[in-house]
Amino acid sequence: MSDYTDTLNALATSTETAVVALYERFLAGDITEAEFVELGTVALEVANARGAALADLALATQLSVQRKEPVPTVGLSSTRTKTVARQAILDALTEDGDATEAVRVAVRAETLAGAQDAYHEGMQEQGVKAWTRVLNSGACKLCQDLAGDVLPGHAEMYHHKGCGCSQKPVGEEPNGNSTRSGRSRNNRGRNTRGRDAAGPRNVVTVAI
């Protein structure tokens, strides 16, 4: 899974570099703002499609190892719409402070979030019963605190803006059943704000 996390973060880095280069062309007067927004949106759409394909392959590979039988990909597509990608670009342009950095942060965050959403969707289609968080290099203190918990497969992963963590199925037997109960070892019955979700569509996204 570390290979998947590293590859995902490399995708985010290459995408932010490409979109920032487009933004610098806009600043130089080579393209209009409208052209930058359109080209940046297309770049994000491509990155989200690649992120979904990467998540699909990584999940199938992980499940094949755990279940000790070949698990095919499910043909995941990006759950992020063109409207969402475009809005990420537009929002970055209206932020106060360093606009170039705002574009960089927004593009990276959108690329990572797209792959994270796709991976979670894939777990639902593959019948994953439980998962745990895999930290990216340089993970923040909050994400480090969340690492080690085991949650039910339907629970979405908490991720802040720019979070590079990923999910990893745990305890998969050859028949696809989980050997773990799915209960967090550090969150036994508590509903603690800011921890990974305990139910579907229960994700809080904040910038830190």
N, C-alpha and C. Protein backbone atom coordinates (compact mmCIF):
# COMPACT_ATOMS: atom_id res chain seq x y z
N MET A 1 0.81 -1.21 0.00
CA MET A 1 0.00 0.00 0.00
C MET A 1 0.85 1.26 0.00
N SER A 2 2.06 1.18 0.52
CA SER A 2 2.91 2.37 0.49
C SER A 2 3.22 2.76 -0.94
N ASP A 3 3.34 1.76 -1.84
CA ASP A 3 3.56 2.04 -3.26
C ASP A 3 2.39 2.83 -3.83
N TYR A 4 1.17 2.44 -3.46
CA TYR A 4 -0.02 3.15 -3.93
C TYR A 4 -0.02 4.58 -3.42
N THR A 5 0.25 4.76 -2.13
CA THR A 5 0.26 6.09 -1.54
C THR A 5 1.31 6.97 -2.18
N ASP A 6 2.49 6.40 -2.41
CA ASP A 6 3.57 7.16 -3.06
C ASP A 6 3.20 7.54 -4.49
N THR A 7 2.60 6.59 -5.22
CA THR A 7 2.22 6.85 -6.61
C THR A 7 1.12 7.90 -6.68
N LEU A 8 0.18 7.83 -5.75
CA LEU A 8 -0.89 8.82 -5.70
C LEU A 8 -0.34 10.21 -5.44
N ASN A 9 0.59 10.30 -4.51
CA ASN A 9 1.17 11.61 -4.20
C ASN A 9 2.02 12.12 -5.37
N ALA A 10 2.64 11.22 -6.12
CA ALA A 10 3.39 11.63 -7.32
C ALA A 10 2.44 12.18 -8.37
N LEU A 11 1.26 11.56 -8.51
CA LEU A 11 0.26 12.06 -9.44
C LEU A 11 -0.19 13.46 -9.04
N ALA A 12 -0.41 13.66 -7.74
CA ALA A 12 -0.83 14.98 -7.27
C ALA A 12 0.25 16.03 -7.53
N THR A 13 1.50 15.64 -7.33
CA THR A 13 2.61 16.57 -7.55
C THR A 13 2.73 16.96 -9.02
N SER A 14 2.63 15.97 -9.91
CA SER A 14 2.74 16.27 -11.34
C SER A 14 1.57 17.12 -11.82
N THR A 15 0.40 16.90 -11.26
CA THR A 15 -0.78 17.67 -11.67
C THR A 15 -0.67 19.12 -11.19
N GLU A 16 -0.26 19.30 -9.95
CA GLU A 16 -0.13 20.67 -9.45
C GLU A 16 0.95 21.42 -10.21
N THR A 17 2.03 20.74 -10.57
CA THR A 17 3.10 21.38 -11.35
C THR A 17 2.58 21.83 -12.71
N ALA A 18 1.78 20.99 -13.36
CA ALA A 18 1.25 21.32 -14.68
C ALA A 18 0.29 22.50 -14.61
N VAL A 19 -0.58 22.50 -13.60
CA VAL A 19 -1.58 23.58 -13.51
C VAL A 19 -0.92 24.89 -13.08
N VAL A 20 0.06 24.83 -12.21
CA VAL A 20 0.79 26.04 -11.83
C VAL A 20 1.51 26.62 -13.04
N ALA A 21 2.04 25.77 -13.90
CA ALA A 21 2.69 26.24 -15.13
C ALA A 21 1.68 26.97 -16.01
N LEU A 22 0.45 26.46 -16.07
CA LEU A 22 -0.60 27.13 -16.82
C LEU A 22 -0.94 28.49 -16.20
N TYR A 23 -0.96 28.51 -14.88
CA TYR A 23 -1.26 29.76 -14.19
C TYR A 23 -0.17 30.80 -14.46
N GLU A 24 1.06 30.37 -14.49
CA GLU A 24 2.15 31.30 -14.79
C GLU A 24 2.06 31.81 -16.22
N ARG A 25 1.55 31.00 -17.13
CA ARG A 25 1.31 31.48 -18.50
C ARG A 25 0.23 32.55 -18.51
N PHE A 26 -0.78 32.36 -17.66
CA PHE A 26 -1.83 33.39 -17.54
C PHE A 26 -1.25 34.69 -17.00
N LEU A 27 -0.42 34.59 -15.97
CA LEU A 27 0.19 35.78 -15.39
C LEU A 27 1.08 36.50 -16.40
N ALA A 28 1.70 35.72 -17.28
CA ALA A 28 2.58 36.30 -18.30
C ALA A 28 1.81 36.88 -19.49
N GLY A 29 0.51 36.66 -19.51
CA GLY A 29 -0.31 37.19 -20.60
C GLY A 29 -0.39 36.29 -21.82
N ASP A 30 0.11 35.06 -21.71
CA ASP A 30 0.10 34.15 -22.85
C ASP A 30 -1.29 33.55 -23.09
N ILE A 31 -2.07 33.39 -22.02
CA ILE A 31 -3.44 32.89 -22.12
C ILE A 31 -4.35 33.75 -21.25
N THR A 32 -5.63 33.73 -21.52
CA THR A 32 -6.58 34.49 -20.73
C THR A 32 -6.94 33.73 -19.45
N GLU A 33 -7.60 34.41 -18.54
CA GLU A 33 -8.03 33.74 -17.31
C GLU A 33 -9.02 32.63 -17.64
N ALA A 34 -9.93 32.89 -18.57
CA ALA A 34 -10.91 31.87 -18.96
C ALA A 34 -10.21 30.64 -19.54
N GLU A 35 -9.19 30.87 -20.33
CA GLU A 35 -8.43 29.75 -20.90
C GLU A 35 -7.70 28.98 -19.81
N PHE A 36 -7.13 29.70 -18.85
CA PHE A 36 -6.46 29.02 -17.74
C PHE A 36 -7.44 28.15 -16.97
N VAL A 37 -8.62 28.70 -16.66
CA VAL A 37 -9.61 27.94 -15.91
C VAL A 37 -10.01 26.68 -16.67
N GLU A 38 -10.22 26.82 -17.98
CA GLU A 38 -10.63 25.66 -18.79
C GLU A 38 -9.51 24.62 -18.85
N LEU A 39 -8.29 25.06 -19.12
CA LEU A 39 -7.17 24.13 -19.22
C LEU A 39 -6.87 23.48 -17.86
N GLY A 40 -6.96 24.26 -16.79
CA GLY A 40 -6.74 23.72 -15.45
C GLY A 40 -7.80 22.69 -15.09
N THR A 41 -9.04 22.96 -15.48
CA THR A 41 -10.13 22.01 -15.23
C THR A 41 -9.89 20.70 -15.96
N VAL A 42 -9.47 20.79 -17.22
CA VAL A 42 -9.18 19.58 -18.00
C VAL A 42 -8.05 18.78 -17.34
N ALA A 43 -7.02 19.47 -16.88
CA ALA A 43 -5.90 18.79 -16.23
C ALA A 43 -6.38 18.05 -14.98
N LEU A 44 -7.28 18.66 -14.23
CA LEU A 44 -7.82 18.02 -13.04
C LEU A 44 -8.69 16.83 -13.40
N GLU A 45 -9.47 16.95 -14.46
CA GLU A 45 -10.30 15.82 -14.90
C GLU A 45 -9.43 14.63 -15.28
N VAL A 46 -8.35 14.89 -15.99
CA VAL A 46 -7.43 13.82 -16.37
C VAL A 46 -6.81 13.19 -15.13
N ALA A 47 -6.39 14.02 -14.19
CA ALA A 47 -5.78 13.51 -12.96
C ALA A 47 -6.78 12.67 -12.16
N ASN A 48 -8.04 13.11 -12.10
CA ASN A 48 -9.04 12.36 -11.36
C ASN A 48 -9.33 11.02 -12.02
N ALA A 49 -9.32 10.99 -13.35
CA ALA A 49 -9.52 9.72 -14.05
C ALA A 49 -8.36 8.77 -13.78
N ARG A 50 -7.15 9.30 -13.79
CA ARG A 50 -5.97 8.48 -13.50
C ARG A 50 -5.98 8.02 -12.05
N GLY A 51 -6.41 8.90 -11.15
CA GLY A 51 -6.48 8.54 -9.74
C GLY A 51 -7.47 7.42 -9.50
N ALA A 52 -8.60 7.46 -10.20
CA ALA A 52 -9.60 6.40 -10.05
C ALA A 52 -9.06 5.07 -10.57
N ALA A 53 -8.38 5.10 -11.71
CA ALA A 53 -7.80 3.88 -12.27
C ALA A 53 -6.73 3.32 -11.35
N LEU A 54 -5.93 4.21 -10.77
CA LEU A 54 -4.89 3.80 -9.83
C LEU A 54 -5.50 3.17 -8.59
N ALA A 55 -6.56 3.78 -8.06
CA ALA A 55 -7.23 3.25 -6.88
C ALA A 55 -7.82 1.87 -7.18
N ASP A 56 -8.42 1.73 -8.35
CA ASP A 56 -9.03 0.47 -8.77
C ASP A 56 -8.00 -0.66 -8.79
N LEU A 57 -6.86 -0.39 -9.40
CA LEU A 57 -5.80 -1.40 -9.52
C LEU A 57 -5.17 -1.71 -8.17
N ALA A 58 -4.91 -0.67 -7.37
CA ALA A 58 -4.29 -0.87 -6.06
C ALA A 58 -5.19 -1.69 -5.15
N LEU A 59 -6.48 -1.41 -5.17
CA LEU A 59 -7.42 -2.14 -4.33
C LEU A 59 -7.51 -3.61 -4.76
N ALA A 60 -7.62 -3.84 -6.06
CA ALA A 60 -7.71 -5.22 -6.55
C ALA A 60 -6.44 -6.01 -6.21
N THR A 61 -5.29 -5.36 -6.32
CA THR A 61 -4.02 -6.02 -5.98
C THR A 61 -3.97 -6.37 -4.50
N GLN A 62 -4.36 -5.42 -3.66
CA GLN A 62 -4.34 -5.65 -2.21
C GLN A 62 -5.29 -6.79 -1.83
N LEU A 63 -6.48 -6.81 -2.41
CA LEU A 63 -7.45 -7.85 -2.08
C LEU A 63 -7.01 -9.21 -2.61
N SER A 64 -6.33 -9.23 -3.76
CA SER A 64 -5.83 -10.49 -4.30
C SER A 64 -4.83 -11.13 -3.35
N VAL A 65 -3.98 -10.30 -2.76
CA VAL A 65 -2.99 -10.80 -1.80
C VAL A 65 -3.69 -11.31 -0.54
N GLN A 66 -4.64 -10.53 -0.02
CA GLN A 66 -5.29 -10.90 1.24
C GLN A 66 -6.22 -12.10 1.08
N ARG A 67 -6.95 -12.16 -0.02
CA ARG A 67 -7.91 -13.25 -0.22
C ARG A 67 -7.29 -14.49 -0.85
N LYS A 68 -6.04 -14.35 -1.27
CA LYS A 68 -5.30 -15.47 -1.85
C LYS A 68 -6.00 -16.02 -3.10
N GLU A 69 -6.55 -15.13 -3.88
CA GLU A 69 -7.15 -15.48 -5.16
C GLU A 69 -7.22 -14.22 -6.01
N PRO A 70 -7.20 -14.36 -7.33
CA PRO A 70 -7.23 -13.16 -8.18
C PRO A 70 -8.53 -12.37 -7.98
N VAL A 71 -8.39 -11.10 -7.78
CA VAL A 71 -9.54 -10.20 -7.65
C VAL A 71 -9.47 -9.19 -8.79
N PRO A 72 -10.44 -9.17 -9.67
CA PRO A 72 -10.39 -8.25 -10.81
C PRO A 72 -10.72 -6.82 -10.38
N THR A 73 -10.29 -5.88 -11.19
CA THR A 73 -10.70 -4.50 -10.99
C THR A 73 -12.19 -4.38 -11.33
N VAL A 74 -12.82 -3.30 -10.88
CA VAL A 74 -14.26 -3.12 -11.12
C VAL A 74 -14.55 -2.01 -12.11
N GLY A 75 -13.50 -1.43 -12.69
CA GLY A 75 -13.71 -0.37 -13.68
C GLY A 75 -14.14 0.94 -13.07
N LEU A 76 -13.50 1.33 -11.99
CA LEU A 76 -13.86 2.57 -11.32
C LEU A 76 -13.65 3.77 -12.24
N SER A 77 -14.55 4.71 -12.14
CA SER A 77 -14.38 6.00 -12.81
C SER A 77 -14.42 7.08 -11.74
N SER A 78 -13.94 8.25 -12.07
CA SER A 78 -13.87 9.33 -11.09
C SER A 78 -15.27 9.73 -10.63
N THR A 79 -15.41 9.94 -9.33
CA THR A 79 -16.67 10.42 -8.78
C THR A 79 -16.73 11.94 -8.74
N ARG A 80 -15.65 12.60 -9.15
CA ARG A 80 -15.57 14.06 -9.14
C ARG A 80 -16.03 14.61 -10.48
N THR A 81 -16.98 15.52 -10.47
CA THR A 81 -17.51 16.06 -11.72
C THR A 81 -16.64 17.21 -12.23
N LYS A 82 -16.88 17.57 -13.50
CA LYS A 82 -16.18 18.70 -14.09
C LYS A 82 -16.49 19.98 -13.33
N THR A 83 -17.72 20.09 -12.85
CA THR A 83 -18.11 21.28 -12.08
C THR A 83 -17.28 21.41 -10.82
N VAL A 84 -17.06 20.29 -10.13
CA VAL A 84 -16.26 20.32 -8.91
C VAL A 84 -14.82 20.72 -9.22
N ALA A 85 -14.27 20.16 -10.29
CA ALA A 85 -12.89 20.48 -10.68
C ALA A 85 -12.77 21.97 -11.03
N ARG A 86 -13.72 22.46 -11.81
CA ARG A 86 -13.69 23.87 -12.19
C ARG A 86 -13.80 24.79 -10.97
N GLN A 87 -14.68 24.41 -10.05
CA GLN A 87 -14.88 25.25 -8.87
C GLN A 87 -13.62 25.30 -8.01
N ALA A 88 -12.88 24.21 -7.97
CA ALA A 88 -11.62 24.20 -7.21
C ALA A 88 -10.65 25.23 -7.77
N ILE A 89 -10.60 25.34 -9.10
CA ILE A 89 -9.74 26.33 -9.74
C ILE A 89 -10.24 27.75 -9.46
N LEU A 90 -11.54 27.96 -9.62
CA LEU A 90 -12.12 29.29 -9.42
C LEU A 90 -11.95 29.77 -7.98
N ASP A 91 -12.15 28.86 -7.03
CA ASP A 91 -12.00 29.23 -5.62
C ASP A 91 -10.57 29.65 -5.31
N ALA A 92 -9.61 28.95 -5.92
CA ALA A 92 -8.20 29.28 -5.68
C ALA A 92 -7.88 30.69 -6.16
N LEU A 93 -8.50 31.11 -7.25
CA LEU A 93 -8.23 32.42 -7.82
C LEU A 93 -8.77 33.55 -6.96
N THR A 94 -9.74 33.25 -6.11
CA THR A 94 -10.35 34.30 -5.28
C THR A 94 -9.81 34.32 -3.86
N GLU A 95 -8.91 33.41 -3.54
CA GLU A 95 -8.35 33.39 -2.18
C GLU A 95 -7.39 34.55 -1.97
N ASP A 96 -7.32 35.02 -0.73
CA ASP A 96 -6.38 36.08 -0.39
C ASP A 96 -4.96 35.50 -0.30
N GLY A 97 -3.98 36.35 -0.47
CA GLY A 97 -2.59 35.92 -0.32
C GLY A 97 -1.99 35.49 -1.65
N ASP A 98 -1.05 34.56 -1.57
CA ASP A 98 -0.30 34.09 -2.73
C ASP A 98 -1.20 33.24 -3.62
N ALA A 99 -1.59 33.78 -4.78
CA ALA A 99 -2.52 33.08 -5.66
C ALA A 99 -1.88 31.82 -6.25
N THR A 100 -0.59 31.89 -6.56
CA THR A 100 0.09 30.72 -7.12
C THR A 100 0.06 29.56 -6.14
N GLU A 101 0.32 29.85 -4.88
CA GLU A 101 0.29 28.81 -3.86
C GLU A 101 -1.13 28.29 -3.65
N ALA A 102 -2.11 29.19 -3.74
CA ALA A 102 -3.50 28.77 -3.60
C ALA A 102 -3.89 27.79 -4.70
N VAL A 103 -3.44 28.07 -5.92
CA VAL A 103 -3.71 27.16 -7.04
C VAL A 103 -3.03 25.82 -6.79
N ARG A 104 -1.79 25.86 -6.35
CA ARG A 104 -1.04 24.62 -6.08
C ARG A 104 -1.75 23.76 -5.04
N VAL A 105 -2.15 24.39 -3.95
CA VAL A 105 -2.81 23.65 -2.86
C VAL A 105 -4.15 23.09 -3.32
N ALA A 106 -4.92 23.89 -4.03
CA ALA A 106 -6.24 23.46 -4.49
C ALA A 106 -6.16 22.28 -5.45
N VAL A 107 -5.22 22.34 -6.38
CA VAL A 107 -5.09 21.27 -7.37
C VAL A 107 -4.63 19.98 -6.70
N ARG A 108 -3.67 20.08 -5.81
CA ARG A 108 -3.19 18.89 -5.11
C ARG A 108 -4.31 18.27 -4.28
N ALA A 109 -5.04 19.10 -3.57
CA ALA A 109 -6.12 18.61 -2.71
C ALA A 109 -7.20 17.92 -3.53
N GLU A 110 -7.57 18.51 -4.65
CA GLU A 110 -8.61 17.93 -5.50
C GLU A 110 -8.16 16.60 -6.10
N THR A 111 -6.91 16.52 -6.52
CA THR A 111 -6.39 15.27 -7.09
C THR A 111 -6.40 14.15 -6.05
N LEU A 112 -5.93 14.45 -4.85
CA LEU A 112 -5.88 13.44 -3.80
C LEU A 112 -7.29 13.02 -3.38
N ALA A 113 -8.19 14.00 -3.22
CA ALA A 113 -9.55 13.69 -2.80
C ALA A 113 -10.28 12.84 -3.83
N GLY A 114 -10.01 13.10 -5.11
CA GLY A 114 -10.65 12.31 -6.16
C GLY A 114 -10.28 10.84 -6.07
N ALA A 115 -9.01 10.56 -5.86
CA ALA A 115 -8.55 9.17 -5.73
C ALA A 115 -9.07 8.54 -4.45
N GLN A 116 -9.10 9.30 -3.36
CA GLN A 116 -9.61 8.78 -2.10
C GLN A 116 -11.08 8.40 -2.22
N ASP A 117 -11.87 9.25 -2.87
CA ASP A 117 -13.28 8.94 -3.06
C ASP A 117 -13.46 7.69 -3.92
N ALA A 118 -12.65 7.57 -4.97
CA ALA A 118 -12.75 6.41 -5.85
C ALA A 118 -12.38 5.13 -5.11
N TYR A 119 -11.34 5.18 -4.30
CA TYR A 119 -10.91 3.99 -3.56
C TYR A 119 -12.02 3.53 -2.62
N HIS A 120 -12.65 4.48 -1.95
CA HIS A 120 -13.74 4.12 -1.04
C HIS A 120 -14.90 3.50 -1.82
N GLU A 121 -15.22 4.06 -2.98
CA GLU A 121 -16.28 3.50 -3.82
C GLU A 121 -15.92 2.08 -4.24
N GLY A 122 -14.64 1.87 -4.55
CA GLY A 122 -14.20 0.54 -4.93
C GLY A 122 -14.35 -0.46 -3.80
N MET A 123 -14.08 -0.04 -2.58
CA MET A 123 -14.23 -0.95 -1.44
C MET A 123 -15.68 -1.39 -1.28
N GLN A 124 -16.62 -0.49 -1.57
CA GLN A 124 -18.03 -0.87 -1.49
C GLN A 124 -18.36 -1.93 -2.55
N GLU A 125 -17.86 -1.73 -3.76
CA GLU A 125 -18.14 -2.67 -4.84
C GLU A 125 -17.44 -4.01 -4.64
N GLN A 126 -16.30 -3.99 -3.95
CA GLN A 126 -15.55 -5.23 -3.72
C GLN A 126 -15.99 -5.94 -2.44
N GLY A 127 -16.92 -5.36 -1.70
CA GLY A 127 -17.42 -6.00 -0.49
C GLY A 127 -16.45 -6.01 0.66
N VAL A 128 -15.61 -4.98 0.76
CA VAL A 128 -14.65 -4.90 1.86
C VAL A 128 -15.39 -4.65 3.17
N LYS A 129 -15.06 -5.43 4.21
CA LYS A 129 -15.76 -5.35 5.48
C LYS A 129 -15.12 -4.39 6.48
N ALA A 130 -13.81 -4.18 6.37
CA ALA A 130 -13.12 -3.33 7.34
C ALA A 130 -11.85 -2.77 6.72
N TRP A 131 -11.39 -1.64 7.25
CA TRP A 131 -10.19 -1.00 6.71
C TRP A 131 -9.45 -0.23 7.80
N THR A 132 -8.21 0.13 7.48
CA THR A 132 -7.42 0.96 8.37
C THR A 132 -6.72 2.03 7.54
N ARG A 133 -6.28 3.08 8.20
CA ARG A 133 -5.65 4.20 7.50
C ARG A 133 -4.16 3.94 7.25
N VAL A 134 -3.70 4.30 6.05
CA VAL A 134 -2.29 4.27 5.71
C VAL A 134 -1.81 5.71 5.59
N LEU A 135 -0.82 6.08 6.37
CA LEU A 135 -0.33 7.45 6.38
C LEU A 135 0.57 7.73 5.18
N ASN A 136 0.48 8.94 4.65
CA ASN A 136 1.44 9.37 3.65
C ASN A 136 2.67 9.92 4.34
N SER A 137 3.73 10.06 3.60
CA SER A 137 4.96 10.62 4.17
C SER A 137 4.70 12.05 4.64
N GLY A 138 5.10 12.35 5.85
CA GLY A 138 4.89 13.69 6.40
C GLY A 138 3.47 13.95 6.86
N ALA A 139 2.74 12.89 7.21
CA ALA A 139 1.35 13.04 7.64
C ALA A 139 1.25 13.95 8.87
N CYS A 140 0.15 14.69 8.96
CA CYS A 140 -0.05 15.63 10.06
C CYS A 140 -0.36 14.88 11.37
N LYS A 141 -0.33 15.60 12.46
CA LYS A 141 -0.55 14.99 13.78
C LYS A 141 -1.95 14.38 13.88
N LEU A 142 -2.95 15.04 13.33
CA LEU A 142 -4.30 14.50 13.40
C LEU A 142 -4.40 13.16 12.69
N CYS A 143 -3.84 13.08 11.48
CA CYS A 143 -3.88 11.81 10.75
C CYS A 143 -3.07 10.73 11.47
N GLN A 144 -1.96 11.12 12.08
CA GLN A 144 -1.17 10.15 12.85
C GLN A 144 -1.99 9.60 14.01
N ASP A 145 -2.78 10.46 14.64
CA ASP A 145 -3.63 10.01 15.75
C ASP A 145 -4.69 9.03 15.28
N LEU A 146 -5.15 9.19 14.03
CA LEU A 146 -6.19 8.31 13.51
C LEU A 146 -5.64 6.97 13.05
N ALA A 147 -4.35 6.89 12.76
CA ALA A 147 -3.75 5.66 12.26
C ALA A 147 -3.86 4.54 13.30
N GLY A 148 -4.13 3.34 12.83
CA GLY A 148 -4.22 2.18 13.72
C GLY A 148 -5.65 1.78 14.01
N ASP A 149 -6.60 2.68 13.82
CA ASP A 149 -8.00 2.33 14.02
C ASP A 149 -8.46 1.40 12.90
N VAL A 150 -9.39 0.50 13.22
CA VAL A 150 -10.01 -0.37 12.23
C VAL A 150 -11.50 -0.03 12.21
N LEU A 151 -11.98 0.35 11.04
CA LEU A 151 -13.37 0.78 10.90
C LEU A 151 -14.12 -0.10 9.91
N PRO A 152 -15.46 -0.09 9.98
CA PRO A 152 -16.25 -0.90 9.04
C PRO A 152 -16.08 -0.40 7.62
N GLY A 153 -16.27 -1.29 6.66
CA GLY A 153 -16.01 -0.96 5.27
C GLY A 153 -16.83 0.20 4.74
N HIS A 154 -18.04 0.41 5.26
CA HIS A 154 -18.87 1.49 4.74
C HIS A 154 -18.45 2.87 5.27
N ALA A 155 -17.63 2.90 6.30
CA ALA A 155 -17.23 4.18 6.90
C ALA A 155 -16.24 4.90 6.00
N GLU A 156 -16.51 6.16 5.73
CA GLU A 156 -15.60 6.94 4.90
C GLU A 156 -14.42 7.44 5.71
N MET A 157 -13.31 7.66 5.04
CA MET A 157 -12.10 8.14 5.71
C MET A 157 -12.13 9.66 5.84
N TYR A 158 -11.93 10.12 7.05
CA TYR A 158 -11.76 11.57 7.27
C TYR A 158 -10.52 12.04 6.51
N HIS A 159 -10.64 13.12 5.76
CA HIS A 159 -9.45 13.70 5.14
C HIS A 159 -9.59 15.21 5.08
N HIS A 160 -8.52 15.88 5.51
CA HIS A 160 -8.48 17.34 5.44
C HIS A 160 -8.00 17.76 4.07
N LYS A 161 -8.02 19.04 3.79
CA LYS A 161 -7.58 19.55 2.49
C LYS A 161 -6.10 19.23 2.28
N GLY A 162 -5.80 18.52 1.20
CA GLY A 162 -4.42 18.15 0.91
C GLY A 162 -3.96 16.87 1.58
N CYS A 163 -4.86 16.16 2.25
CA CYS A 163 -4.51 14.91 2.93
C CYS A 163 -4.10 13.86 1.90
N GLY A 164 -2.98 13.20 2.14
CA GLY A 164 -2.49 12.18 1.22
C GLY A 164 -2.60 10.77 1.76
N CYS A 165 -3.35 10.58 2.83
CA CYS A 165 -3.53 9.25 3.41
C CYS A 165 -4.41 8.39 2.50
N SER A 166 -4.41 7.09 2.73
CA SER A 166 -5.25 6.19 1.96
C SER A 166 -5.81 5.11 2.88
N GLN A 167 -6.76 4.36 2.36
CA GLN A 167 -7.38 3.26 3.10
C GLN A 167 -6.75 1.93 2.69
N LYS A 168 -6.76 0.99 3.62
CA LYS A 168 -6.24 -0.35 3.34
C LYS A 168 -7.19 -1.39 3.94
N PRO A 169 -7.73 -2.29 3.13
CA PRO A 169 -8.57 -3.36 3.67
C PRO A 169 -7.78 -4.20 4.66
N VAL A 170 -8.45 -4.69 5.69
CA VAL A 170 -7.77 -5.53 6.68
C VAL A 170 -8.58 -6.79 6.93
N GLY A 171 -7.85 -7.86 7.28
CA GLY A 171 -8.49 -9.09 7.73
C GLY A 171 -9.33 -9.79 6.70
N GLU A 172 -8.99 -9.65 5.40
CA GLU A 172 -9.79 -10.30 4.37
C GLU A 172 -9.43 -11.78 4.26
N GLU A 173 -10.42 -12.65 4.50
CA GLU A 173 -10.22 -14.08 4.31
C GLU A 173 -10.41 -14.43 2.83
N PRO A 174 -9.99 -15.62 2.40
CA PRO A 174 -10.15 -16.00 1.00
C PRO A 174 -11.58 -15.88 0.47
N ASN A 175 -12.61 -16.01 1.34
CA ASN A 175 -14.00 -15.90 0.87
C ASN A 175 -14.49 -14.46 0.86
N GLY A 176 -13.58 -13.52 1.18
CA GLY A 176 -13.96 -12.11 1.12
C GLY A 176 -14.49 -11.57 2.42
N ASN A 177 -14.60 -12.40 3.48
CA ASN A 177 -15.08 -11.93 4.76
C ASN A 177 -13.95 -11.37 5.60
N SER A 178 -14.27 -10.46 6.46
CA SER A 178 -13.26 -9.86 7.32
C SER A 178 -13.13 -10.64 8.60
N THR A 179 -11.90 -10.77 9.08
CA THR A 179 -11.66 -11.46 10.35
C THR A 179 -11.68 -10.49 11.51
N ARG A 180 -11.86 -9.19 11.20
CA ARG A 180 -11.90 -8.20 12.26
C ARG A 180 -13.32 -7.69 12.41
N SER A 181 -13.64 -7.20 13.58
CA SER A 181 -15.00 -6.75 13.85
C SER A 181 -15.30 -5.41 13.21
N GLY A 182 -14.26 -4.66 12.83
CA GLY A 182 -14.47 -3.34 12.25
C GLY A 182 -14.55 -2.26 13.31
N ARG A 183 -14.45 -2.60 14.59
CA ARG A 183 -14.50 -1.59 15.64
C ARG A 183 -13.12 -1.00 15.85
N SER A 184 -13.05 0.28 16.00
CA SER A 184 -11.79 0.97 16.23
C SER A 184 -11.20 0.54 17.57
N ARG A 185 -9.91 0.27 17.56
CA ARG A 185 -9.27 -0.15 18.81
C ARG A 185 -9.12 1.02 19.76
N ASN A 186 -9.11 2.25 19.22
CA ASN A 186 -8.94 3.42 20.07
C ASN A 186 -10.21 4.24 20.20
N ASN A 187 -11.31 3.78 19.59
CA ASN A 187 -12.53 4.58 19.57
C ASN A 187 -13.72 3.69 19.90
N ARG A 188 -13.62 2.97 20.97
CA ARG A 188 -14.61 1.96 21.34
C ARG A 188 -15.91 2.62 21.79
N GLY A 189 -16.83 2.77 20.82
CA GLY A 189 -18.14 3.29 21.16
C GLY A 189 -18.21 4.80 21.26
N ARG A 190 -17.06 5.50 21.14
CA ARG A 190 -17.09 6.95 21.28
C ARG A 190 -17.33 7.58 19.92
N ASN A 191 -18.07 8.68 19.90
CA ASN A 191 -18.26 9.45 18.68
C ASN A 191 -17.45 10.72 18.82
N THR A 192 -16.16 10.63 18.53
CA THR A 192 -15.25 11.73 18.77
C THR A 192 -15.13 12.59 17.52
N ARG A 193 -15.39 13.87 17.63
CA ARG A 193 -15.33 14.77 16.49
C ARG A 193 -13.91 14.76 15.92
N GLY A 194 -13.83 14.62 14.60
CA GLY A 194 -12.54 14.68 13.94
C GLY A 194 -11.93 13.31 13.68
N ARG A 195 -12.51 12.23 14.24
CA ARG A 195 -11.97 10.91 13.97
C ARG A 195 -12.54 10.41 12.66
N ASP A 196 -11.98 9.30 12.13
CA ASP A 196 -12.52 8.74 10.90
C ASP A 196 -14.00 8.42 11.08
N ALA A 197 -14.73 8.49 10.00
CA ALA A 197 -16.18 8.36 10.05
C ALA A 197 -16.60 7.00 10.57
N ALA A 198 -17.76 6.96 11.22
CA ALA A 198 -18.32 5.72 11.72
C ALA A 198 -19.53 5.30 10.89
N GLY A 199 -19.81 6.01 9.81
CA GLY A 199 -20.96 5.68 8.97
C GLY A 199 -20.81 6.29 7.60
N PRO A 200 -21.66 5.89 6.63
CA PRO A 200 -21.55 6.38 5.26
C PRO A 200 -21.82 7.86 5.15
N ARG A 201 -21.10 8.51 4.24
CA ARG A 201 -21.25 9.92 3.92
C ARG A 201 -21.03 10.82 5.13
N ASN A 202 -20.20 10.40 6.07
CA ASN A 202 -19.97 11.18 7.28
C ASN A 202 -18.54 11.67 7.28
N VAL A 203 -18.20 12.52 6.31
CA VAL A 203 -16.84 13.01 6.16
C VAL A 203 -16.80 14.48 6.47
N VAL A 204 -15.84 14.89 7.27
CA VAL A 204 -15.61 16.29 7.55
C VAL A 204 -14.31 16.70 6.87
N THR A 205 -14.33 17.71 6.05
CA THR A 205 -13.14 18.15 5.35
C THR A 205 -12.78 19.55 5.82
N VAL A 206 -11.60 19.70 6.38
CA VAL A 206 -11.17 21.00 6.88
C VAL A 206 -9.76 21.26 6.40
N ALA A 207 -9.41 22.51 6.32
CA ALA A 207 -8.03 22.87 5.98
C ALA A 207 -7.23 23.03 7.25
N ILE A 208 -6.04 22.43 7.30
CA ILE A 208 -5.19 22.60 8.47
C ILE A 208 -3.82 23.00 8.03
